[in-house]
Amino acid sequence: MESMPETQKPMKPMKRHELRLEARERLTATGIRRVDFFSDELITAQTDLGQLNLKGEALHIESLSAETGDMLVRGKVAAVSYTEASPAVSFLGRLFK
């Protein structure tokens, strides 16, 4: 069986991405593809619109659904930013960059 050219392979449908921040202590996000890193001061997650970066204090992911892409973060949020999406890199590629 012949494989499809890269340009003809079906792409994953884009997940709707939204953020809601309440009193800088409760952040809900939709459209999360995966979480790459988390600590009590930084959370990085991939969305279809780029990498989401959350900085703050005492941050923790209270819930995360791989099925729906919904994430709930609690803690003191100091900054929210995005980095443009880049091609997928393997775990070892991310570890040694």
PDB file of N, CA and C in Angstrom:
ATOM      1  N   MET A   1       0.841  -1.182   0.000  1.00  0.00           N
ATOM      2  CA  MET A   1       0.000   0.000   0.000  1.00  0.00           C
ATOM      3  C   MET A   1       0.887   1.246   0.000  1.00  0.00           C
ATOM      4  N   GLU A   2       0.598   2.157  -0.867  1.00  0.00           N
ATOM      5  CA  GLU A   2       1.392   3.366  -1.034  1.00  0.00           C
ATOM      6  C   GLU A   2       0.961   4.411   0.001  1.00  0.00           C
ATOM      7  N   SER A   3       1.926   5.090   0.612  1.00  0.00           N
ATOM      8  CA  SER A   3       1.562   6.115   1.589  1.00  0.00           C
ATOM      9  C   SER A   3       1.223   7.431   0.880  1.00  0.00           C
ATOM     10  N   MET A   4       0.390   8.223   1.557  1.00  0.00           N
ATOM     11  CA  MET A   4      -0.024   9.520   1.005  1.00  0.00           C
ATOM     12  C   MET A   4       1.103  10.527   1.098  1.00  0.00           C
ATOM     13  N   PRO A   5       1.229  11.388   0.108  1.00  0.00           N
ATOM     14  CA  PRO A   5       2.211  12.480   0.227  1.00  0.00           C
ATOM     15  C   PRO A   5       1.849  13.351   1.431  1.00  0.00           C
ATOM     16  N   GLU A   6       2.857  13.951   2.013  1.00  0.00           N
ATOM     17  CA  GLU A   6       2.668  14.774   3.212  1.00  0.00           C
ATOM     18  C   GLU A   6       1.585  15.841   3.027  1.00  0.00           C
ATOM     19  N   THR A   7       1.494  16.432   1.845  1.00  0.00           N
ATOM     20  CA  THR A   7       0.527  17.511   1.611  1.00  0.00           C
ATOM     21  C   THR A   7      -0.903  17.004   1.523  1.00  0.00           C
ATOM     22  N   GLN A   8      -1.099  15.692   1.310  1.00  0.00           N
ATOM     23  CA  GLN A   8      -2.439  15.155   1.180  1.00  0.00           C
ATOM     24  C   GLN A   8      -2.918  14.438   2.426  1.00  0.00           C
ATOM     25  N   LYS A   9      -2.073  14.289   3.443  1.00  0.00           N
ATOM     26  CA  LYS A   9      -2.483  13.615   4.673  1.00  0.00           C
ATOM     27  C   LYS A   9      -3.501  14.490   5.405  1.00  0.00           C
ATOM     28  N   PRO A  10      -4.539  13.850   5.950  1.00  0.00           N
ATOM     29  CA  PRO A  10      -5.528  14.641   6.675  1.00  0.00           C
ATOM     30  C   PRO A  10      -4.908  15.267   7.922  1.00  0.00           C
ATOM     31  N   MET A  11      -5.199  16.542   8.149  1.00  0.00           N
ATOM     32  CA  MET A  11      -4.675  17.240   9.316  1.00  0.00           C
ATOM     33  C   MET A  11      -5.669  17.124  10.454  1.00  0.00           C
ATOM     34  N   LYS A  12      -5.162  17.198  11.691  1.00  0.00           N
ATOM     35  CA  LYS A  12      -6.042  17.209  12.850  1.00  0.00           C
ATOM     36  C   LYS A  12      -6.864  18.481  12.800  1.00  0.00           C
ATOM     37  N   PRO A  13      -8.147  18.392  13.113  1.00  0.00           N
ATOM     38  CA  PRO A  13      -8.938  19.617  13.129  1.00  0.00           C
ATOM     39  C   PRO A  13      -8.438  20.556  14.230  1.00  0.00           C
ATOM     40  N   MET A  14      -8.474  21.857  13.958  1.00  0.00           N
ATOM     41  CA  MET A  14      -8.029  22.830  14.951  1.00  0.00           C
ATOM     42  C   MET A  14      -8.998  22.834  16.125  1.00  0.00           C
ATOM     43  N   LYS A  15      -8.426  22.880  17.327  1.00  0.00           N
ATOM     44  CA  LYS A  15      -9.252  22.981  18.524  1.00  0.00           C
ATOM     45  C   LYS A  15      -9.501  24.450  18.815  1.00  0.00           C
ATOM     46  N   ARG A  16     -10.698  24.770  19.205  1.00  0.00           N
ATOM     47  CA  ARG A  16     -11.027  26.139  19.588  1.00  0.00           C
ATOM     48  C   ARG A  16     -10.235  26.477  20.848  1.00  0.00           C
ATOM     49  N   HIS A  17      -9.579  27.628  20.841  1.00  0.00           N
ATOM     50  CA  HIS A  17      -8.730  28.019  21.973  1.00  0.00           C
ATOM     51  C   HIS A  17      -9.273  29.285  22.615  1.00  0.00           C
ATOM     52  N   GLU A  18      -9.507  29.198  23.910  1.00  0.00           N
ATOM     53  CA  GLU A  18      -9.974  30.354  24.687  1.00  0.00           C
ATOM     54  C   GLU A  18      -9.283  30.357  26.042  1.00  0.00           C
ATOM     55  N   LEU A  19      -9.100  31.561  26.587  1.00  0.00           N
ATOM     56  CA  LEU A  19      -8.563  31.739  27.933  1.00  0.00           C
ATOM     57  C   LEU A  19      -9.534  32.562  28.763  1.00  0.00           C
ATOM     58  N   ARG A  20      -9.624  32.225  30.022  1.00  0.00           N
ATOM     59  CA  ARG A  20     -10.416  33.036  30.948  1.00  0.00           C
ATOM     60  C   ARG A  20      -9.628  33.110  32.250  1.00  0.00           C
ATOM     61  N   LEU A  21      -9.339  34.326  32.675  1.00  0.00           N
ATOM     62  CA  LEU A  21      -8.567  34.558  33.890  1.00  0.00           C
ATOM     63  C   LEU A  21      -9.453  35.277  34.892  1.00  0.00           C
ATOM     64  N   GLU A  22      -9.596  34.688  36.066  1.00  0.00           N
ATOM     65  CA  GLU A  22     -10.447  35.257  37.105  1.00  0.00           C
ATOM     66  C   GLU A  22      -9.581  35.693  38.282  1.00  0.00           C
ATOM     67  N   ALA A  23      -9.573  36.983  38.542  1.00  0.00           N
ATOM     68  CA  ALA A  23      -8.859  37.582  39.675  1.00  0.00           C
ATOM     69  C   ALA A  23      -7.389  37.149  39.745  1.00  0.00           C
ATOM     70  N   ARG A  24      -6.804  36.842  38.594  1.00  0.00           N
ATOM     71  CA  ARG A  24      -5.406  36.411  38.493  1.00  0.00           C
ATOM     72  C   ARG A  24      -5.095  35.175  39.319  1.00  0.00           C
ATOM     73  N   GLU A  25      -6.144  34.441  39.769  1.00  0.00           N
ATOM     74  CA  GLU A  25      -5.929  33.258  40.613  1.00  0.00           C
ATOM     75  C   GLU A  25      -6.483  31.975  40.005  1.00  0.00           C
ATOM     76  N   ARG A  26      -7.325  32.092  38.987  1.00  0.00           N
ATOM     77  CA  ARG A  26      -7.942  30.916  38.373  1.00  0.00           C
ATOM     78  C   ARG A  26      -7.969  31.129  36.866  1.00  0.00           C
ATOM     79  N   LEU A  27      -7.263  30.272  36.129  1.00  0.00           N
ATOM     80  CA  LEU A  27      -7.205  30.389  34.677  1.00  0.00           C
ATOM     81  C   LEU A  27      -7.787  29.118  34.062  1.00  0.00           C
ATOM     82  N   THR A  28      -8.755  29.298  33.184  1.00  0.00           N
ATOM     83  CA  THR A  28      -9.277  28.169  32.425  1.00  0.00           C
ATOM     84  C   THR A  28      -8.880  28.384  30.971  1.00  0.00           C
ATOM     85  N   ALA A  29      -8.470  27.301  30.343  1.00  0.00           N
ATOM     86  CA  ALA A  29      -8.049  27.351  28.942  1.00  0.00           C
ATOM     87  C   ALA A  29      -8.667  26.171  28.204  1.00  0.00           C
ATOM     88  N   THR A  30      -9.055  26.424  26.957  1.00  0.00           N
ATOM     89  CA  THR A  30      -9.534  25.347  26.092  1.00  0.00           C
ATOM     90  C   THR A  30      -8.594  25.253  24.902  1.00  0.00           C
ATOM     91  N   GLY A  31      -8.639  24.137  24.201  1.00  0.00           N
ATOM     92  CA  GLY A  31      -7.805  23.966  23.015  1.00  0.00           C
ATOM     93  C   GLY A  31      -6.363  23.614  23.316  1.00  0.00           C
ATOM     94  N   ILE A  32      -6.109  23.030  24.479  1.00  0.00           N
ATOM     95  CA  ILE A  32      -4.746  22.631  24.837  1.00  0.00           C
ATOM     96  C   ILE A  32      -4.442  21.287  24.189  1.00  0.00           C
ATOM     97  N   ARG A  33      -3.378  21.231  23.402  1.00  0.00           N
ATOM     98  CA  ARG A  33      -2.953  19.980  22.753  1.00  0.00           C
ATOM     99  C   ARG A  33      -2.108  19.131  23.701  1.00  0.00           C
ATOM    100  N   ARG A  34      -1.163  19.784  24.388  1.00  0.00           N
ATOM    101  CA  ARG A  34      -0.320  19.072  25.347  1.00  0.00           C
ATOM    102  C   ARG A  34       0.370  20.095  26.254  1.00  0.00           C
ATOM    103  N   VAL A  35       0.797  19.639  27.412  1.00  0.00           N
ATOM    104  CA  VAL A  35       1.588  20.461  28.327  1.00  0.00           C
ATOM    105  C   VAL A  35       3.028  19.987  28.192  1.00  0.00           C
ATOM    106  N   ASP A  36       3.925  20.913  27.868  1.00  0.00           N
ATOM    107  CA  ASP A  36       5.333  20.575  27.678  1.00  0.00           C
ATOM    108  C   ASP A  36       6.132  20.668  28.966  1.00  0.00           C
ATOM    109  N   PHE A  37       5.776  21.617  29.844  1.00  0.00           N
ATOM    110  CA  PHE A  37       6.541  21.851  31.068  1.00  0.00           C
ATOM    111  C   PHE A  37       5.630  22.480  32.103  1.00  0.00           C
ATOM    112  N   PHE A  38       5.838  22.126  33.363  1.00  0.00           N
ATOM    113  CA  PHE A  38       5.129  22.821  34.419  1.00  0.00           C
ATOM    114  C   PHE A  38       5.953  22.823  35.697  1.00  0.00           C
ATOM    115  N   SER A  39       5.879  23.938  36.387  1.00  0.00           N
ATOM    116  CA  SER A  39       6.479  24.098  37.715  1.00  0.00           C
ATOM    117  C   SER A  39       5.583  25.077  38.450  1.00  0.00           C
ATOM    118  N   ASP A  40       5.954  25.415  39.662  1.00  0.00           N
ATOM    119  CA  ASP A  40       5.113  26.369  40.403  1.00  0.00           C
ATOM    120  C   ASP A  40       5.283  27.803  39.912  1.00  0.00           C
ATOM    121  N   GLU A  41       6.233  28.039  38.986  1.00  0.00           N
ATOM    122  CA  GLU A  41       6.449  29.381  38.441  1.00  0.00           C
ATOM    123  C   GLU A  41       6.205  29.499  36.936  1.00  0.00           C
ATOM    124  N   LEU A  42       6.117  28.371  36.209  1.00  0.00           N
ATOM    125  CA  LEU A  42       5.976  28.407  34.752  1.00  0.00           C
ATOM    126  C   LEU A  42       5.225  27.186  34.245  1.00  0.00           C
ATOM    127  N   ILE A  43       4.282  27.415  33.335  1.00  0.00           N
ATOM    128  CA  ILE A  43       3.594  26.342  32.632  1.00  0.00           C
ATOM    129  C   ILE A  43       3.665  26.667  31.151  1.00  0.00           C
ATOM    130  N   THR A  44       4.107  25.709  30.335  1.00  0.00           N
ATOM    131  CA  THR A  44       4.089  25.887  28.879  1.00  0.00           C
ATOM    132  C   THR A  44       3.223  24.786  28.286  1.00  0.00           C
ATOM    133  N   ALA A  45       2.318  25.190  27.397  1.00  0.00           N
ATOM    134  CA  ALA A  45       1.385  24.254  26.775  1.00  0.00           C
ATOM    135  C   ALA A  45       1.252  24.583  25.299  1.00  0.00           C
ATOM    136  N   GLN A  46       1.030  23.572  24.484  1.00  0.00           N
ATOM    137  CA  GLN A  46       0.865  23.758  23.047  1.00  0.00           C
ATOM    138  C   GLN A  46      -0.607  23.897  22.692  1.00  0.00           C
ATOM    139  N   THR A  47      -0.897  24.894  21.848  1.00  0.00           N
ATOM    140  CA  THR A  47      -2.226  25.090  21.296  1.00  0.00           C
ATOM    141  C   THR A  47      -2.062  25.193  19.779  1.00  0.00           C
ATOM    142  N   ASP A  48      -3.163  25.205  19.058  1.00  0.00           N
ATOM    143  CA  ASP A  48      -3.074  25.368  17.605  1.00  0.00           C
ATOM    144  C   ASP A  48      -2.649  26.781  17.220  1.00  0.00           C
ATOM    145  N   LEU A  49      -2.686  27.712  18.158  1.00  0.00           N
ATOM    146  CA  LEU A  49      -2.312  29.094  17.885  1.00  0.00           C
ATOM    147  C   LEU A  49      -0.907  29.434  18.364  1.00  0.00           C
ATOM    148  N   GLY A  50      -0.178  28.431  18.849  1.00  0.00           N
ATOM    149  CA  GLY A  50       1.174  28.662  19.340  1.00  0.00           C
ATOM    150  C   GLY A  50       1.352  28.120  20.737  1.00  0.00           C
ATOM    151  N   GLN A  51       2.542  28.324  21.272  1.00  0.00           N
ATOM    152  CA  GLN A  51       2.846  27.867  22.620  1.00  0.00           C
ATOM    153  C   GLN A  51       2.334  28.886  23.626  1.00  0.00           C
ATOM    154  N   LEU A  52       1.549  28.429  24.589  1.00  0.00           N
ATOM    155  CA  LEU A  52       1.021  29.269  25.661  1.00  0.00           C
ATOM    156  C   LEU A  52       1.988  29.202  26.833  1.00  0.00           C
ATOM    157  N   ASN A  53       2.399  30.375  27.333  1.00  0.00           N
ATOM    158  CA  ASN A  53       3.325  30.460  28.468  1.00  0.00           C
ATOM    159  C   ASN A  53       2.632  31.175  29.614  1.00  0.00           C
ATOM    160  N   LEU A  54       2.546  30.506  30.751  1.00  0.00           N
ATOM    161  CA  LEU A  54       1.955  31.104  31.953  1.00  0.00           C
ATOM    162  C   LEU A  54       3.050  31.246  32.997  1.00  0.00           C
ATOM    163  N   LYS A  55       3.233  32.459  33.513  1.00  0.00           N
ATOM    164  CA  LYS A  55       4.220  32.700  34.559  1.00  0.00           C
ATOM    165  C   LYS A  55       3.500  33.188  35.793  1.00  0.00           C
ATOM    166  N   GLY A  56       4.024  32.826  36.966  1.00  0.00           N
ATOM    167  CA  GLY A  56       3.398  33.261  38.197  1.00  0.00           C
ATOM    168  C   GLY A  56       4.020  32.617  39.405  1.00  0.00           C
ATOM    169  N   GLU A  57       3.208  32.513  40.465  1.00  0.00           N
ATOM    170  CA  GLU A  57       3.655  31.947  41.732  1.00  0.00           C
ATOM    171  C   GLU A  57       2.647  30.897  42.178  1.00  0.00           C
ATOM    172  N   ALA A  58       3.148  29.825  42.756  1.00  0.00           N
ATOM    173  CA  ALA A  58       2.306  28.743  43.285  1.00  0.00           C
ATOM    174  C   ALA A  58       1.316  28.217  42.240  1.00  0.00           C
ATOM    175  N   LEU A  59       1.764  28.142  40.985  1.00  0.00           N
ATOM    176  CA  LEU A  59       0.904  27.645  39.913  1.00  0.00           C
ATOM    177  C   LEU A  59       0.800  26.127  39.997  1.00  0.00           C
ATOM    178  N   HIS A  60      -0.400  25.618  39.800  1.00  0.00           N
ATOM    179  CA  HIS A  60      -0.546  24.176  39.641  1.00  0.00           C
ATOM    180  C   HIS A  60      -1.736  23.885  38.745  1.00  0.00           C
ATOM    181  N   ILE A  61      -1.592  22.815  37.986  1.00  0.00           N
ATOM    182  CA  ILE A  61      -2.651  22.395  37.074  1.00  0.00           C
ATOM    183  C   ILE A  61      -3.617  21.551  37.883  1.00  0.00           C
ATOM    184  N   GLU A  62      -4.800  22.097  38.096  1.00  0.00           N
ATOM    185  CA  GLU A  62      -5.804  21.390  38.890  1.00  0.00           C
ATOM    186  C   GLU A  62      -6.472  20.290  38.072  1.00  0.00           C
ATOM    187  N   SER A  63      -6.720  20.571  36.798  1.00  0.00           N
ATOM    188  CA  SER A  63      -7.288  19.532  35.929  1.00  0.00           C
ATOM    189  C   SER A  63      -6.844  19.777  34.492  1.00  0.00           C
ATOM    190  N   LEU A  64      -6.724  18.667  33.747  1.00  0.00           N
ATOM    191  CA  LEU A  64      -6.336  18.722  32.343  1.00  0.00           C
ATOM    192  C   LEU A  64      -6.964  17.521  31.654  1.00  0.00           C
ATOM    193  N   SER A  65      -7.734  17.770  30.613  1.00  0.00           N
ATOM    194  CA  SER A  65      -8.374  16.701  29.855  1.00  0.00           C
ATOM    195  C   SER A  65      -7.696  16.578  28.497  1.00  0.00           C
ATOM    196  N   ALA A  66      -7.049  15.448  28.265  1.00  0.00           N
ATOM    197  CA  ALA A  66      -6.422  15.205  26.962  1.00  0.00           C
ATOM    198  C   ALA A  66      -7.500  15.056  25.888  1.00  0.00           C
ATOM    199  N   GLU A  67      -8.653  14.575  26.273  1.00  0.00           N
ATOM    200  CA  GLU A  67      -9.742  14.347  25.320  1.00  0.00           C
ATOM    201  C   GLU A  67     -10.354  15.658  24.814  1.00  0.00           C
ATOM    202  N   THR A  68     -10.654  16.584  25.732  1.00  0.00           N
ATOM    203  CA  THR A  68     -11.315  17.832  25.336  1.00  0.00           C
ATOM    204  C   THR A  68     -10.350  19.000  25.173  1.00  0.00           C
ATOM    205  N   GLY A  69      -9.152  18.909  25.781  1.00  0.00           N
ATOM    206  CA  GLY A  69      -8.192  20.010  25.710  1.00  0.00           C
ATOM    207  C   GLY A  69      -8.462  21.106  26.720  1.00  0.00           C
ATOM    208  N   ASP A  70      -9.286  20.823  27.736  1.00  0.00           N
ATOM    209  CA  ASP A  70      -9.604  21.812  28.778  1.00  0.00           C
ATOM    210  C   ASP A  70      -8.594  21.702  29.916  1.00  0.00           C
ATOM    211  N   MET A  71      -8.147  22.868  30.401  1.00  0.00           N
ATOM    212  CA  MET A  71      -7.172  22.910  31.486  1.00  0.00           C
ATOM    213  C   MET A  71      -7.594  23.966  32.502  1.00  0.00           C
ATOM    214  N   LEU A  72      -7.436  23.645  33.784  1.00  0.00           N
ATOM    215  CA  LEU A  72      -7.702  24.584  34.868  1.00  0.00           C
ATOM    216  C   LEU A  72      -6.426  24.750  35.674  1.00  0.00           C
ATOM    217  N   VAL A  73      -5.975  25.997  35.812  1.00  0.00           N
ATOM    218  CA  VAL A  73      -4.757  26.315  36.554  1.00  0.00           C
ATOM    219  C   VAL A  73      -5.134  27.232  37.703  1.00  0.00           C
ATOM    220  N   ARG A  74      -4.584  26.950  38.877  1.00  0.00           N
ATOM    221  CA  ARG A  74      -4.773  27.830  40.042  1.00  0.00           C
ATOM    222  C   ARG A  74      -3.411  28.318  40.508  1.00  0.00           C
ATOM    223  N   GLY A  75      -3.404  29.494  41.103  1.00  0.00           N
ATOM    224  CA  GLY A  75      -2.183  30.125  41.591  1.00  0.00           C
ATOM    225  C   GLY A  75      -2.242  31.603  41.235  1.00  0.00           C
ATOM    226  N   LYS A  76      -1.166  32.316  41.492  1.00  0.00           N
ATOM    227  CA  LYS A  76      -1.113  33.745  41.174  1.00  0.00           C
ATOM    228  C   LYS A  76      -0.481  33.924  39.791  1.00  0.00           C
ATOM    229  N   VAL A  77      -1.309  34.283  38.797  1.00  0.00           N
ATOM    230  CA  VAL A  77      -0.826  34.455  37.426  1.00  0.00           C
ATOM    231  C   VAL A  77      -0.244  35.850  37.266  1.00  0.00           C
ATOM    232  N   ALA A  78       1.022  35.922  36.853  1.00  0.00           N
ATOM    233  CA  ALA A  78       1.698  37.204  36.666  1.00  0.00           C
ATOM    234  C   ALA A  78       1.759  37.598  35.193  1.00  0.00           C
ATOM    235  N   ALA A  79       1.844  36.611  34.285  1.00  0.00           N
ATOM    236  CA  ALA A  79       1.968  36.918  32.859  1.00  0.00           C
ATOM    237  C   ALA A  79       1.441  35.764  32.020  1.00  0.00           C
ATOM    238  N   VAL A  80       0.840  36.143  30.882  1.00  0.00           N
ATOM    239  CA  VAL A  80       0.379  35.178  29.888  1.00  0.00           C
ATOM    240  C   VAL A  80       0.952  35.635  28.553  1.00  0.00           C
ATOM    241  N   SER A  81       1.624  34.730  27.842  1.00  0.00           N
ATOM    242  CA  SER A  81       2.181  35.095  26.537  1.00  0.00           C
ATOM    243  C   SER A  81       2.127  33.891  25.605  1.00  0.00           C
ATOM    244  N   TYR A  82       2.349  34.184  24.323  1.00  0.00           N
ATOM    245  CA  TYR A  82       2.362  33.144  23.301  1.00  0.00           C
ATOM    246  C   TYR A  82       3.669  33.214  22.522  1.00  0.00           C
ATOM    247  N   THR A  83       4.135  32.059  22.096  1.00  0.00           N
ATOM    248  CA  THR A  83       5.255  31.933  21.180  1.00  0.00           C
ATOM    249  C   THR A  83       4.694  31.270  19.938  1.00  0.00           C
ATOM    250  N   GLU A  84       5.096  31.724  18.765  1.00  0.00           N
ATOM    251  CA  GLU A  84       4.560  31.171  17.525  1.00  0.00           C
ATOM    252  C   GLU A  84       4.745  29.671  17.470  1.00  0.00           C
ATOM    253  N   ALA A  85       3.792  29.004  16.844  1.00  0.00           N
ATOM    254  CA  ALA A  85       3.854  27.552  16.681  1.00  0.00           C
ATOM    255  C   ALA A  85       5.052  27.183  15.829  1.00  0.00           C
ATOM    256  N   SER A  86       5.685  26.075  16.192  1.00  0.00           N
ATOM    257  CA  SER A  86       6.816  25.576  15.413  1.00  0.00           C
ATOM    258  C   SER A  86       6.576  24.105  15.129  1.00  0.00           C
ATOM    259  N   PRO A  87       7.308  23.519  14.209  1.00  0.00           N
ATOM    260  CA  PRO A  87       7.117  22.108  13.893  1.00  0.00           C
ATOM    261  C   PRO A  87       7.322  21.244  15.137  1.00  0.00           C
ATOM    262  N   ALA A  88       6.611  20.141  15.206  1.00  0.00           N
ATOM    263  CA  ALA A  88       6.721  19.241  16.346  1.00  0.00           C
ATOM    264  C   ALA A  88       8.148  18.713  16.468  1.00  0.00           C
ATOM    265  N   VAL A  89       8.645  18.684  17.692  1.00  0.00           N
ATOM    266  CA  VAL A  89       9.985  18.203  17.968  1.00  0.00           C
ATOM    267  C   VAL A  89       9.845  17.050  18.955  1.00  0.00           C
ATOM    268  N   SER A  90      10.662  16.042  18.815  1.00  0.00           N
ATOM    269  CA  SER A  90      10.603  14.897  19.716  1.00  0.00           C
ATOM    270  C   SER A  90      10.953  15.326  21.140  1.00  0.00           C
ATOM    271  N   PHE A  91      10.646  14.445  22.089  1.00  0.00           N
ATOM    272  CA  PHE A  91      10.956  14.716  23.489  1.00  0.00           C
ATOM    273  C   PHE A  91      12.444  14.992  23.668  1.00  0.00           C
ATOM    274  N   LEU A  92      13.310  14.153  23.058  1.00  0.00           N
ATOM    275  CA  LEU A  92      14.749  14.361  23.190  1.00  0.00           C
ATOM    276  C   LEU A  92      15.181  15.651  22.524  1.00  0.00           C
ATOM    277  N   GLY A  93      14.533  16.005  21.420  1.00  0.00           N
ATOM    278  CA  GLY A  93      14.847  17.275  20.752  1.00  0.00           C
ATOM    279  C   GLY A  93      14.538  18.459  21.639  1.00  0.00           C
ATOM    280  N   ARG A  94      13.425  18.404  22.374  1.00  0.00           N
ATOM    281  CA  ARG A  94      13.057  19.485  23.291  1.00  0.00           C
ATOM    282  C   ARG A  94      13.999  19.508  24.492  1.00  0.00           C
ATOM    283  N   LEU A  95      14.390  18.321  24.941  1.00  0.00           N
ATOM    284  CA  LEU A  95      15.251  18.210  26.122  1.00  0.00           C
ATOM    285  C   LEU A  95      16.627  18.807  25.875  1.00  0.00           C
ATOM    286  N   PHE A  96      17.163  18.620  24.663  1.00  0.00           N
ATOM    287  CA  PHE A  96      18.536  19.058  24.373  1.00  0.00           C
ATOM    288  C   PHE A  96      18.632  20.323  23.548  1.00  0.00           C
ATOM    289  N   LYS A  97      17.571  21.106  23.466  1.00  0.00           N
ATOM    290  CA  LYS A  97      17.680  22.340  22.674  1.00  0.00           C
ATOM    291  C   LYS A  97      18.291  23.461  23.455  1.00  0.00           C
TER     292      LYS A  97
END
